[in-house]
Amino acid sequence: MYVCVCNAVTERAIRNLVAEGYHSLNEIQALTGCSGTCGRCTDHAEAVIEASLARPPRPTLPVIDPCGSLQMLKTA
């Protein structure tokens, strides 16, 4: 679902950025433009950030690629 229609920022994009370590609206706004145009999405964006911070981190699973090397895969 889109959070910021003006800049085409989705909930998934915000959740992914939070998982990468960006924990404030200012950081996410600098990367995506979210809430920087009209500002109507500010409350929704902050709610998505807070909810993402409250979620436990996704577990990392070992995966063997076709070449035989071990890689780590994050679950959805």
N, C-alpha and C. Protein backbone atom coordinates (compact mmCIF):
# COMPACT_ATOMS: atom_id res chain seq x y z
N MET A 1 0.84 -1.17 0.00
CA MET A 1 0.00 0.00 0.00
C MET A 1 0.89 1.24 0.00
N TYR A 2 0.45 2.24 -0.75
CA TYR A 2 1.21 3.49 -0.78
C TYR A 2 1.00 4.28 0.51
N VAL A 3 2.08 4.80 1.03
CA VAL A 3 2.04 5.71 2.17
C VAL A 3 2.07 7.13 1.61
N CYS A 4 3.01 7.39 0.73
CA CYS A 4 3.19 8.72 0.14
C CYS A 4 2.93 8.62 -1.37
N VAL A 5 1.76 9.10 -1.76
CA VAL A 5 1.40 9.05 -3.17
C VAL A 5 2.24 10.04 -3.97
N CYS A 6 2.53 11.19 -3.40
CA CYS A 6 3.30 12.22 -4.10
C CYS A 6 4.65 11.69 -4.58
N ASN A 7 5.29 10.84 -3.76
CA ASN A 7 6.62 10.33 -4.09
C ASN A 7 6.66 8.82 -4.28
N ALA A 8 5.49 8.20 -4.39
CA ALA A 8 5.36 6.76 -4.65
C ALA A 8 6.15 5.91 -3.64
N VAL A 9 5.97 6.20 -2.36
CA VAL A 9 6.66 5.45 -1.30
C VAL A 9 5.65 4.49 -0.67
N THR A 10 6.01 3.22 -0.63
CA THR A 10 5.11 2.20 -0.10
C THR A 10 5.46 1.82 1.34
N GLU A 11 4.51 1.13 1.99
CA GLU A 11 4.78 0.61 3.33
C GLU A 11 5.97 -0.34 3.29
N ARG A 12 6.02 -1.17 2.26
CA ARG A 12 7.12 -2.13 2.13
C ARG A 12 8.47 -1.43 2.06
N ALA A 13 8.53 -0.34 1.29
CA ALA A 13 9.79 0.41 1.17
C ALA A 13 10.21 0.96 2.53
N ILE A 14 9.26 1.47 3.29
CA ILE A 14 9.58 2.00 4.61
C ILE A 14 10.02 0.88 5.53
N ARG A 15 9.29 -0.24 5.53
CA ARG A 15 9.68 -1.38 6.38
C ARG A 15 11.08 -1.87 6.03
N ASN A 16 11.40 -1.93 4.75
CA ASN A 16 12.74 -2.37 4.33
C ASN A 16 13.82 -1.40 4.82
N LEU A 17 13.55 -0.10 4.74
CA LEU A 17 14.53 0.88 5.22
C LEU A 17 14.71 0.79 6.73
N VAL A 18 13.63 0.57 7.45
CA VAL A 18 13.75 0.39 8.90
C VAL A 18 14.59 -0.85 9.20
N ALA A 19 14.37 -1.91 8.46
CA ALA A 19 15.16 -3.14 8.65
C ALA A 19 16.63 -2.91 8.34
N GLU A 20 16.93 -1.95 7.45
CA GLU A 20 18.32 -1.63 7.11
C GLU A 20 18.97 -0.69 8.13
N GLY A 21 18.17 -0.17 9.08
CA GLY A 21 18.75 0.66 10.13
C GLY A 21 18.33 2.11 10.14
N TYR A 22 17.44 2.51 9.24
CA TYR A 22 16.96 3.89 9.22
C TYR A 22 15.71 3.95 10.10
N HIS A 23 15.79 4.69 11.21
CA HIS A 23 14.74 4.62 12.21
C HIS A 23 13.97 5.91 12.43
N SER A 24 14.19 6.93 11.63
CA SER A 24 13.44 8.17 11.82
C SER A 24 12.82 8.61 10.50
N LEU A 25 11.75 9.38 10.62
CA LEU A 25 11.11 9.90 9.42
C LEU A 25 12.06 10.81 8.65
N ASN A 26 12.89 11.55 9.36
CA ASN A 26 13.86 12.43 8.66
C ASN A 26 14.81 11.63 7.78
N GLU A 27 15.30 10.50 8.29
CA GLU A 27 16.20 9.66 7.50
C GLU A 27 15.48 9.08 6.28
N ILE A 28 14.28 8.58 6.51
CA ILE A 28 13.52 7.97 5.43
C ILE A 28 13.08 9.03 4.41
N GLN A 29 12.75 10.20 4.90
CA GLN A 29 12.38 11.30 4.00
C GLN A 29 13.56 11.69 3.12
N ALA A 30 14.75 11.74 3.68
CA ALA A 30 15.94 12.10 2.91
C ALA A 30 16.21 11.08 1.80
N LEU A 31 15.88 9.82 2.05
CA LEU A 31 16.14 8.77 1.06
C LEU A 31 15.03 8.63 0.03
N THR A 32 13.79 8.90 0.44
CA THR A 32 12.65 8.61 -0.44
C THR A 32 11.82 9.82 -0.83
N GLY A 33 11.92 10.90 -0.06
CA GLY A 33 11.05 12.05 -0.29
C GLY A 33 9.73 11.93 0.43
N CYS A 34 9.50 10.83 1.13
CA CYS A 34 8.24 10.58 1.82
C CYS A 34 7.90 11.75 2.75
N SER A 35 6.70 12.27 2.63
CA SER A 35 6.12 13.38 3.40
C SER A 35 6.81 14.72 3.14
N GLY A 36 7.61 14.79 2.12
CA GLY A 36 8.32 16.03 1.83
C GLY A 36 7.61 16.96 0.87
N THR A 37 6.54 16.50 0.24
CA THR A 37 5.84 17.33 -0.73
C THR A 37 4.64 18.02 -0.09
N CYS A 38 3.57 17.27 0.20
CA CYS A 38 2.38 17.89 0.78
C CYS A 38 2.28 17.66 2.28
N GLY A 39 2.91 16.59 2.78
CA GLY A 39 2.93 16.32 4.21
C GLY A 39 1.73 15.57 4.75
N ARG A 40 0.75 15.24 3.92
CA ARG A 40 -0.44 14.54 4.41
C ARG A 40 -0.15 13.14 4.91
N CYS A 41 0.93 12.55 4.47
CA CYS A 41 1.25 11.16 4.84
C CYS A 41 2.13 11.06 6.08
N THR A 42 2.48 12.16 6.68
CA THR A 42 3.43 12.15 7.80
C THR A 42 2.99 11.22 8.91
N ASP A 43 1.74 11.31 9.35
CA ASP A 43 1.27 10.45 10.44
C ASP A 43 1.31 8.98 10.07
N HIS A 44 0.89 8.67 8.83
CA HIS A 44 0.90 7.28 8.38
C HIS A 44 2.34 6.76 8.28
N ALA A 45 3.23 7.55 7.74
CA ALA A 45 4.63 7.14 7.62
C ALA A 45 5.24 6.88 9.00
N GLU A 46 4.98 7.77 9.95
CA GLU A 46 5.50 7.57 11.31
C GLU A 46 4.91 6.32 11.94
N ALA A 47 3.63 6.03 11.68
CA ALA A 47 3.01 4.82 12.23
C ALA A 47 3.65 3.57 11.64
N VAL A 48 3.97 3.58 10.35
CA VAL A 48 4.62 2.43 9.72
C VAL A 48 6.02 2.24 10.30
N ILE A 49 6.73 3.33 10.53
CA ILE A 49 8.07 3.24 11.12
C ILE A 49 7.98 2.65 12.52
N GLU A 50 7.06 3.16 13.34
CA GLU A 50 6.91 2.67 14.72
C GLU A 50 6.53 1.20 14.73
N ALA A 51 5.60 0.81 13.88
CA ALA A 51 5.19 -0.60 13.82
C ALA A 51 6.34 -1.48 13.37
N SER A 52 7.14 -0.98 12.45
CA SER A 52 8.29 -1.76 11.97
C SER A 52 9.35 -1.92 13.05
N LEU A 53 9.53 -0.90 13.85
CA LEU A 53 10.50 -0.98 14.95
C LEU A 53 10.03 -1.95 16.02
N ALA A 54 8.72 -2.10 16.17
CA ALA A 54 8.17 -2.99 17.19
C ALA A 54 8.22 -4.45 16.76
N ARG A 55 8.35 -4.71 15.46
CA ARG A 55 8.39 -6.09 14.96
C ARG A 55 9.76 -6.70 15.22
N PRO A 56 9.78 -7.99 15.55
CA PRO A 56 11.08 -8.65 15.69
C PRO A 56 11.77 -8.74 14.34
N PRO A 57 13.09 -8.73 14.31
CA PRO A 57 13.80 -8.82 13.04
C PRO A 57 13.49 -10.14 12.34
N ARG A 58 13.51 -10.09 11.01
CA ARG A 58 13.26 -11.30 10.23
C ARG A 58 14.44 -12.25 10.39
N PRO A 59 14.14 -13.54 10.58
CA PRO A 59 15.24 -14.50 10.72
C PRO A 59 15.97 -14.68 9.40
N THR A 60 17.22 -15.03 9.51
CA THR A 60 18.04 -15.28 8.33
C THR A 60 18.22 -16.79 8.20
N LEU A 61 17.90 -17.33 7.04
CA LEU A 61 17.98 -18.76 6.80
C LEU A 61 19.15 -19.08 5.88
N PRO A 62 19.85 -20.18 6.16
CA PRO A 62 20.93 -20.57 5.25
C PRO A 62 20.34 -21.16 3.96
N VAL A 63 20.93 -20.82 2.83
CA VAL A 63 20.50 -21.33 1.53
C VAL A 63 21.74 -21.70 0.75
N ILE A 64 21.69 -22.85 0.09
CA ILE A 64 22.80 -23.26 -0.77
C ILE A 64 22.39 -22.96 -2.20
N ASP A 65 23.16 -22.09 -2.87
CA ASP A 65 22.83 -21.73 -4.25
C ASP A 65 23.24 -22.86 -5.20
N PRO A 66 22.85 -22.80 -6.46
CA PRO A 66 23.16 -23.86 -7.41
C PRO A 66 24.66 -24.14 -7.58
N CYS A 67 25.51 -23.18 -7.27
CA CYS A 67 26.95 -23.38 -7.41
C CYS A 67 27.54 -24.06 -6.18
N GLY A 68 26.72 -24.28 -5.15
CA GLY A 68 27.18 -24.98 -3.97
C GLY A 68 27.66 -24.10 -2.84
N SER A 69 27.62 -22.78 -3.00
CA SER A 69 28.07 -21.91 -1.91
C SER A 69 26.90 -21.56 -1.00
N LEU A 70 27.20 -21.37 0.26
CA LEU A 70 26.21 -21.07 1.27
C LEU A 70 25.93 -19.57 1.28
N GLN A 71 24.65 -19.21 1.23
CA GLN A 71 24.24 -17.81 1.32
C GLN A 71 23.17 -17.70 2.39
N MET A 72 22.95 -16.48 2.86
CA MET A 72 21.92 -16.26 3.87
C MET A 72 20.75 -15.56 3.21
N LEU A 73 19.54 -16.00 3.53
CA LEU A 73 18.32 -15.46 2.94
C LEU A 73 17.41 -14.99 4.04
N LYS A 74 16.96 -13.74 3.95
CA LYS A 74 16.00 -13.23 4.93
C LYS A 74 14.62 -13.69 4.52
N THR A 75 13.85 -14.09 5.53
CA THR A 75 12.49 -14.51 5.26
C THR A 75 11.58 -13.30 5.20
N ALA A 76 10.44 -13.46 4.59
CA ALA A 76 9.49 -12.34 4.44
C ALA A 76 8.68 -12.10 5.68
